[in-house]
């Protein structure tokens, strides 16, 4: 019981941390990119070629906690022939103010995924 309370306190700190939310958004974006790459049969080498960059740069983007810019996100979405959408919702309408990088994912699916990540984060400290 004590451990559960400790975790709830730690998670409450993370919920108020913009860097934590930025990390979650980055993760969400890269999950979408990898899913779309898989759906379209595109590997990292081909993505690098489409972006006109090195394979090492793509590896760094996917493995590092690099703060990817909106411009880079847009370039990746164009390279994958996808639409990039960034939305912000009022805290009054939803459980939290969120900015969601979407690449062809429906809002309903996105909300389910977000809820799933919250449940996942409730179980495991990230």
C-alpha atoms as a PDB file:
ATOM      1  CA  UNK A   1       0.000   0.000   0.000  1.00  0.00           C
ATOM      2  CA  UNK A   2       2.833   2.404   0.865  1.00  0.00           C
ATOM      3  CA  UNK A   3       4.545   1.695  -2.435  1.00  0.00           C
ATOM      4  CA  UNK A   4       1.298   2.428  -4.302  1.00  0.00           C
ATOM      5  CA  UNK A   5       0.988   5.790  -2.543  1.00  0.00           C
ATOM      6  CA  UNK A   6       4.629   6.604  -3.310  1.00  0.00           C
ATOM      7  CA  UNK A   7       4.085   5.811  -6.966  1.00  0.00           C
ATOM      8  CA  UNK A   8       0.957   7.975  -7.090  1.00  0.00           C
ATOM      9  CA  UNK A   9       2.940  10.884  -5.632  1.00  0.00           C
ATOM     10  CA  UNK A  10       5.763  10.398  -8.131  1.00  0.00           C
ATOM     11  CA  UNK A  11       3.347  10.166 -11.038  1.00  0.00           C
ATOM     12  CA  UNK A  12       1.591  13.346  -9.867  1.00  0.00           C
ATOM     13  CA  UNK A  13       4.958  15.138 -10.101  1.00  0.00           C
ATOM     14  CA  UNK A  14       5.461  13.856 -13.648  1.00  0.00           C
ATOM     15  CA  UNK A  15       1.979  14.948 -14.703  1.00  0.00           C
ATOM     16  CA  UNK A  16       2.960  18.545 -13.967  1.00  0.00           C
ATOM     17  CA  UNK A  17       6.334  18.317 -15.707  1.00  0.00           C
ATOM     18  CA  UNK A  18       6.395  19.746 -19.262  1.00  0.00           C
ATOM     19  CA  UNK A  19       9.548  17.758 -20.065  1.00  0.00           C
ATOM     20  CA  UNK A  20       7.749  14.531 -19.192  1.00  0.00           C
ATOM     21  CA  UNK A  21       4.860  15.453 -21.481  1.00  0.00           C
ATOM     22  CA  UNK A  22       7.298  16.397 -24.248  1.00  0.00           C
ATOM     23  CA  UNK A  23       8.861  12.948 -23.910  1.00  0.00           C
ATOM     24  CA  UNK A  24       5.462  11.280 -24.135  1.00  0.00           C
ATOM     25  CA  UNK A  25       4.640  13.312 -27.254  1.00  0.00           C
ATOM     26  CA  UNK A  26       7.993  12.430 -28.830  1.00  0.00           C
ATOM     27  CA  UNK A  27       7.344   8.777 -28.090  1.00  0.00           C
ATOM     28  CA  UNK A  28       3.859   9.026 -29.586  1.00  0.00           C
ATOM     29  CA  UNK A  29       5.237  10.649 -32.742  1.00  0.00           C
ATOM     30  CA  UNK A  30       7.920   7.994 -33.186  1.00  0.00           C
ATOM     31  CA  UNK A  31       5.391   5.214 -32.548  1.00  0.00           C
ATOM     32  CA  UNK A  32       3.275   6.673 -35.361  1.00  0.00           C
ATOM     33  CA  UNK A  33       6.296   6.981 -37.669  1.00  0.00           C
ATOM     34  CA  UNK A  34       7.365   3.383 -37.044  1.00  0.00           C
ATOM     35  CA  UNK A  35       3.803   2.106 -37.514  1.00  0.00           C
ATOM     36  CA  UNK A  36       3.427   3.947 -40.817  1.00  0.00           C
ATOM     37  CA  UNK A  37       6.859   2.820 -41.993  1.00  0.00           C
ATOM     38  CA  UNK A  38       5.872  -0.767 -41.263  1.00  0.00           C
ATOM     39  CA  UNK A  39       2.491  -0.376 -43.008  1.00  0.00           C
ATOM     40  CA  UNK A  40       4.191   1.065 -46.099  1.00  0.00           C
ATOM     41  CA  UNK A  41       7.160  -1.318 -46.075  1.00  0.00           C
ATOM     42  CA  UNK A  42       9.684   1.494 -45.596  1.00  0.00           C
ATOM     43  CA  UNK A  43      12.888   0.822 -43.685  1.00  0.00           C
ATOM     44  CA  UNK A  44      15.137   3.377 -41.999  1.00  0.00           C
ATOM     45  CA  UNK A  45      17.548   3.445 -44.924  1.00  0.00           C
ATOM     46  CA  UNK A  46      14.745   4.335 -47.321  1.00  0.00           C
ATOM     47  CA  UNK A  47      13.431   6.986 -44.925  1.00  0.00           C
ATOM     48  CA  UNK A  48      16.927   8.499 -44.774  1.00  0.00           C
ATOM     49  CA  UNK A  49      17.080   8.549 -48.577  1.00  0.00           C
ATOM     50  CA  UNK A  50      13.665  10.223 -48.784  1.00  0.00           C
ATOM     51  CA  UNK A  51      14.774  12.862 -46.271  1.00  0.00           C
ATOM     52  CA  UNK A  52      18.158  13.354 -47.905  1.00  0.00           C
ATOM     53  CA  UNK A  53      20.031  12.567 -44.714  1.00  0.00           C
ATOM     54  CA  UNK A  54      22.287   9.821 -43.412  1.00  0.00           C
ATOM     55  CA  UNK A  55      21.124   6.551 -41.879  1.00  0.00           C
ATOM     56  CA  UNK A  56      23.083   7.577 -38.780  1.00  0.00           C
ATOM     57  CA  UNK A  57      20.877  10.666 -38.410  1.00  0.00           C
ATOM     58  CA  UNK A  58      17.730   8.518 -38.542  1.00  0.00           C
ATOM     59  CA  UNK A  59      19.216   6.151 -35.966  1.00  0.00           C
ATOM     60  CA  UNK A  60      20.005   9.112 -33.717  1.00  0.00           C
ATOM     61  CA  UNK A  61      16.455  10.461 -34.060  1.00  0.00           C
ATOM     62  CA  UNK A  62      14.936   7.131 -33.059  1.00  0.00           C
ATOM     63  CA  UNK A  63      17.340   6.197 -30.287  1.00  0.00           C
ATOM     64  CA  UNK A  64      18.205   9.489 -28.642  1.00  0.00           C
ATOM     65  CA  UNK A  65      16.093  11.820 -26.583  1.00  0.00           C
ATOM     66  CA  UNK A  66      16.636  14.371 -29.337  1.00  0.00           C
ATOM     67  CA  UNK A  67      14.180  17.230 -29.128  1.00  0.00           C
ATOM     68  CA  UNK A  68      12.758  16.882 -32.618  1.00  0.00           C
ATOM     69  CA  UNK A  69      11.524  20.141 -34.139  1.00  0.00           C
ATOM     70  CA  UNK A  70       8.150  20.644 -35.762  1.00  0.00           C
ATOM     71  CA  UNK A  71      10.018  21.226 -39.024  1.00  0.00           C
ATOM     72  CA  UNK A  72      11.675  17.801 -38.735  1.00  0.00           C
ATOM     73  CA  UNK A  73       8.320  16.221 -37.881  1.00  0.00           C
ATOM     74  CA  UNK A  74       6.824  17.857 -40.987  1.00  0.00           C
ATOM     75  CA  UNK A  75       9.709  16.629 -43.177  1.00  0.00           C
ATOM     76  CA  UNK A  76       9.238  13.087 -41.888  1.00  0.00           C
ATOM     77  CA  UNK A  77       5.486  13.227 -42.472  1.00  0.00           C
ATOM     78  CA  UNK A  78       6.042  14.471 -46.047  1.00  0.00           C
ATOM     79  CA  UNK A  79       8.616  11.724 -46.634  1.00  0.00           C
ATOM     80  CA  UNK A  80       6.025   9.182 -45.518  1.00  0.00           C
ATOM     81  CA  UNK A  81       3.276  10.848 -47.565  1.00  0.00           C
ATOM     82  CA  UNK A  82       1.259  11.597 -44.419  1.00  0.00           C
ATOM     83  CA  UNK A  83      -0.445  14.575 -42.900  1.00  0.00           C
ATOM     84  CA  UNK A  84       0.942  15.890 -39.630  1.00  0.00           C
ATOM     85  CA  UNK A  85      -1.610  17.307 -37.219  1.00  0.00           C
ATOM     86  CA  UNK A  86      -0.880  18.976 -33.905  1.00  0.00           C
ATOM     87  CA  UNK A  87      -3.850  19.740 -31.679  1.00  0.00           C
ATOM     88  CA  UNK A  88      -4.292  21.271 -28.265  1.00  0.00           C
ATOM     89  CA  UNK A  89      -7.346  20.697 -26.084  1.00  0.00           C
ATOM     90  CA  UNK A  90      -8.596  22.715 -23.134  1.00  0.00           C
ATOM     91  CA  UNK A  91      -8.252  21.102 -19.729  1.00  0.00           C
ATOM     92  CA  UNK A  92     -11.936  21.849 -19.210  1.00  0.00           C
ATOM     93  CA  UNK A  93     -12.932  19.571 -22.104  1.00  0.00           C
ATOM     94  CA  UNK A  94     -10.550  16.701 -21.399  1.00  0.00           C
ATOM     95  CA  UNK A  95      -8.652  15.322 -18.466  1.00  0.00           C
ATOM     96  CA  UNK A  96      -5.572  17.312 -19.479  1.00  0.00           C
ATOM     97  CA  UNK A  97      -4.197  19.784 -21.956  1.00  0.00           C
ATOM     98  CA  UNK A  98      -2.598  17.729 -24.660  1.00  0.00           C
ATOM     99  CA  UNK A  99      -0.730  18.365 -27.841  1.00  0.00           C
ATOM    100  CA  UNK A 100      -0.933  15.347 -30.062  1.00  0.00           C
ATOM    101  CA  UNK A 101       1.289  14.653 -33.052  1.00  0.00           C
ATOM    102  CA  UNK A 102      -0.864  12.588 -35.376  1.00  0.00           C
ATOM    103  CA  UNK A 103       0.069  11.003 -38.647  1.00  0.00           C
ATOM    104  CA  UNK A 104      -3.170   9.692 -40.051  1.00  0.00           C
ATOM    105  CA  UNK A 105      -4.471   8.398 -36.736  1.00  0.00           C
ATOM    106  CA  UNK A 106      -8.127   9.085 -35.961  1.00  0.00           C
ATOM    107  CA  UNK A 107      -8.926  11.140 -32.866  1.00  0.00           C
ATOM    108  CA  UNK A 108     -10.761   8.228 -31.284  1.00  0.00           C
ATOM    109  CA  UNK A 109      -7.800   5.886 -31.834  1.00  0.00           C
ATOM    110  CA  UNK A 110      -5.460   8.569 -30.574  1.00  0.00           C
ATOM    111  CA  UNK A 111      -7.489   9.009 -27.397  1.00  0.00           C
ATOM    112  CA  UNK A 112      -7.539   5.234 -26.835  1.00  0.00           C
ATOM    113  CA  UNK A 113      -3.766   5.119 -27.335  1.00  0.00           C
ATOM    114  CA  UNK A 114      -3.274   8.018 -24.910  1.00  0.00           C
ATOM    115  CA  UNK A 115      -5.460   6.273 -22.335  1.00  0.00           C
ATOM    116  CA  UNK A 116      -3.465   3.082 -22.876  1.00  0.00           C
ATOM    117  CA  UNK A 117      -0.184   4.966 -22.321  1.00  0.00           C
ATOM    118  CA  UNK A 118      -1.583   6.458 -19.111  1.00  0.00           C
ATOM    119  CA  UNK A 119      -2.541   2.997 -17.886  1.00  0.00           C
ATOM    120  CA  UNK A 120       0.894   1.729 -18.892  1.00  0.00           C
ATOM    121  CA  UNK A 121       2.559   4.593 -17.049  1.00  0.00           C
ATOM    122  CA  UNK A 122       0.407   3.916 -13.991  1.00  0.00           C
ATOM    123  CA  UNK A 123       1.966   0.465 -13.798  1.00  0.00           C
ATOM    124  CA  UNK A 124       5.557   1.286 -14.664  1.00  0.00           C
ATOM    125  CA  UNK A 125       7.632   4.344 -13.735  1.00  0.00           C
ATOM    126  CA  UNK A 126       8.969   5.912 -16.907  1.00  0.00           C
END
